[in-house]
Amino acid sequence: MKTNIRTFQRDFPRMRRLAAAGTVIVVESEGQSFEFRRRRAGTGVLGCMAGRAKLGKLRDGPAIPLAEWGALAQ
């Protein structure tokens, strides 16, 4: 949905409801375009890899043995 800044400000409660329903509102002002949309819920710590990482196959302890860290281990 396209609108101008004046209409967007005047009808903000309606615009917010539309965005919450999934509509992307494009606000055009002075030759620039801005998008107003609902922010998606976070996917957690793994982000886009959620559900793909095989966490059960990870071994216990660090991935690189401490003996190989040298001066960084301190």
C-alpha atoms as a PDB file:
ATOM      1  CA  MET A   1       0.000   0.000   0.000  1.00  0.00           C
ATOM      2  CA  LYS A   2       1.388   3.411  -0.924  1.00  0.00           C
ATOM      3  CA  THR A   3       0.672   6.574   1.020  1.00  0.00           C
ATOM      4  CA  ASN A   4       2.169   9.953   1.800  1.00  0.00           C
ATOM      5  CA  ILE A   5       3.569  11.090   5.135  1.00  0.00           C
ATOM      6  CA  ARG A   6       0.565  13.245   6.019  1.00  0.00           C
ATOM      7  CA  THR A   7      -1.920  10.410   5.569  1.00  0.00           C
ATOM      8  CA  PHE A   8       0.387   7.993   7.354  1.00  0.00           C
ATOM      9  CA  GLN A   9       0.595  10.238  10.405  1.00  0.00           C
ATOM     10  CA  ARG A  10      -3.108  11.074  10.425  1.00  0.00           C
ATOM     11  CA  ASP A  11      -4.193   7.422  10.080  1.00  0.00           C
ATOM     12  CA  PHE A  12      -1.405   5.820  12.113  1.00  0.00           C
ATOM     13  CA  PRO A  13      -3.659   3.497  14.181  1.00  0.00           C
ATOM     14  CA  ARG A  14      -5.129   2.122  10.933  1.00  0.00           C
ATOM     15  CA  MET A  15      -1.664   1.824   9.350  1.00  0.00           C
ATOM     16  CA  ARG A  16      -0.404  -0.050  12.389  1.00  0.00           C
ATOM     17  CA  ARG A  17      -3.310  -2.511  12.162  1.00  0.00           C
ATOM     18  CA  LEU A  18      -2.607  -3.049   8.461  1.00  0.00           C
ATOM     19  CA  ALA A  19       1.079  -3.668   9.138  1.00  0.00           C
ATOM     20  CA  ALA A  20       0.221  -6.088  11.940  1.00  0.00           C
ATOM     21  CA  ALA A  21      -1.931  -8.000   9.448  1.00  0.00           C
ATOM     22  CA  GLY A  22       1.040  -8.332   7.089  1.00  0.00           C
ATOM     23  CA  THR A  23       0.573  -5.384   4.727  1.00  0.00           C
ATOM     24  CA  VAL A  24       3.721  -3.461   3.790  1.00  0.00           C
ATOM     25  CA  ILE A  25       3.032   0.278   3.794  1.00  0.00           C
ATOM     26  CA  VAL A  26       5.242   2.388   1.538  1.00  0.00           C
ATOM     27  CA  VAL A  27       5.447   5.998   2.716  1.00  0.00           C
ATOM     28  CA  GLU A  28       6.674   8.423   0.075  1.00  0.00           C
ATOM     29  CA  SER A  29       8.025  11.787   1.161  1.00  0.00           C
ATOM     30  CA  GLU A  30      10.194  14.313  -0.670  1.00  0.00           C
ATOM     31  CA  GLY A  31      11.336  11.851  -3.318  1.00  0.00           C
ATOM     32  CA  GLN A  32      12.202   9.110  -0.815  1.00  0.00           C
ATOM     33  CA  SER A  33      10.338   5.901  -0.015  1.00  0.00           C
ATOM     34  CA  PHE A  34      10.148   4.238   3.377  1.00  0.00           C
ATOM     35  CA  GLU A  35       8.603   0.902   4.307  1.00  0.00           C
ATOM     36  CA  PHE A  36       6.552   0.320   7.434  1.00  0.00           C
ATOM     37  CA  ARG A  37       5.967  -3.318   8.288  1.00  0.00           C
ATOM     38  CA  ARG A  38       5.612  -5.657  11.215  1.00  0.00           C
ATOM     39  CA  ARG A  39       8.888  -7.002  12.543  1.00  0.00           C
ATOM     40  CA  ARG A  40       9.101 -10.769  12.390  1.00  0.00           C
ATOM     41  CA  ALA A  41       9.658 -12.710  15.567  1.00  0.00           C
ATOM     42  CA  GLY A  42      13.295 -13.597  16.177  1.00  0.00           C
ATOM     43  CA  THR A  43      14.449 -17.051  15.176  1.00  0.00           C
ATOM     44  CA  GLY A  44      16.577 -17.506  18.268  1.00  0.00           C
ATOM     45  CA  VAL A  45      20.282 -17.965  18.743  1.00  0.00           C
ATOM     46  CA  LEU A  46      20.815 -20.103  15.652  1.00  0.00           C
ATOM     47  CA  GLY A  47      19.020 -17.709  13.300  1.00  0.00           C
ATOM     48  CA  CYS A  48      18.525 -19.117   9.822  1.00  0.00           C
ATOM     49  CA  MET A  49      20.246 -22.362  10.834  1.00  0.00           C
ATOM     50  CA  ALA A  50      17.505 -23.238  13.341  1.00  0.00           C
ATOM     51  CA  GLY A  51      16.318 -26.741  12.599  1.00  0.00           C
ATOM     52  CA  ARG A  52      19.282 -27.503  10.346  1.00  0.00           C
ATOM     53  CA  ALA A  53      22.144 -27.777  12.826  1.00  0.00           C
ATOM     54  CA  LYS A  54      22.750 -31.275  14.183  1.00  0.00           C
ATOM     55  CA  LEU A  55      23.396 -30.346  17.798  1.00  0.00           C
ATOM     56  CA  GLY A  56      23.156 -33.938  18.998  1.00  0.00           C
ATOM     57  CA  LYS A  57      26.326 -34.830  17.060  1.00  0.00           C
ATOM     58  CA  LEU A  58      28.511 -32.217  18.737  1.00  0.00           C
ATOM     59  CA  ARG A  59      31.187 -33.544  21.046  1.00  0.00           C
ATOM     60  CA  ASP A  60      31.629 -32.323  24.601  1.00  0.00           C
ATOM     61  CA  GLY A  61      34.288 -29.708  25.264  1.00  0.00           C
ATOM     62  CA  PRO A  62      35.934 -27.188  22.959  1.00  0.00           C
ATOM     63  CA  ALA A  63      36.126 -27.798  19.214  1.00  0.00           C
ATOM     64  CA  ILE A  64      39.871 -27.072  19.275  1.00  0.00           C
ATOM     65  CA  PRO A  65      41.815 -28.814  22.072  1.00  0.00           C
ATOM     66  CA  LEU A  66      43.273 -26.374  24.623  1.00  0.00           C
ATOM     67  CA  ALA A  67      46.791 -27.693  23.918  1.00  0.00           C
ATOM     68  CA  GLU A  68      46.572 -26.209  20.406  1.00  0.00           C
ATOM     69  CA  TRP A  69      45.577 -22.741  21.639  1.00  0.00           C
ATOM     70  CA  GLY A  70      49.062 -21.839  22.837  1.00  0.00           C
ATOM     71  CA  ALA A  71      49.215 -18.334  24.365  1.00  0.00           C
ATOM     72  CA  LEU A  72      45.502 -17.737  23.684  1.00  0.00           C
ATOM     73  CA  ALA A  73      44.530 -20.364  26.286  1.00  0.00           C
ATOM     74  CA  GLN A  74      45.573 -18.067  29.135  1.00  0.00           C
END
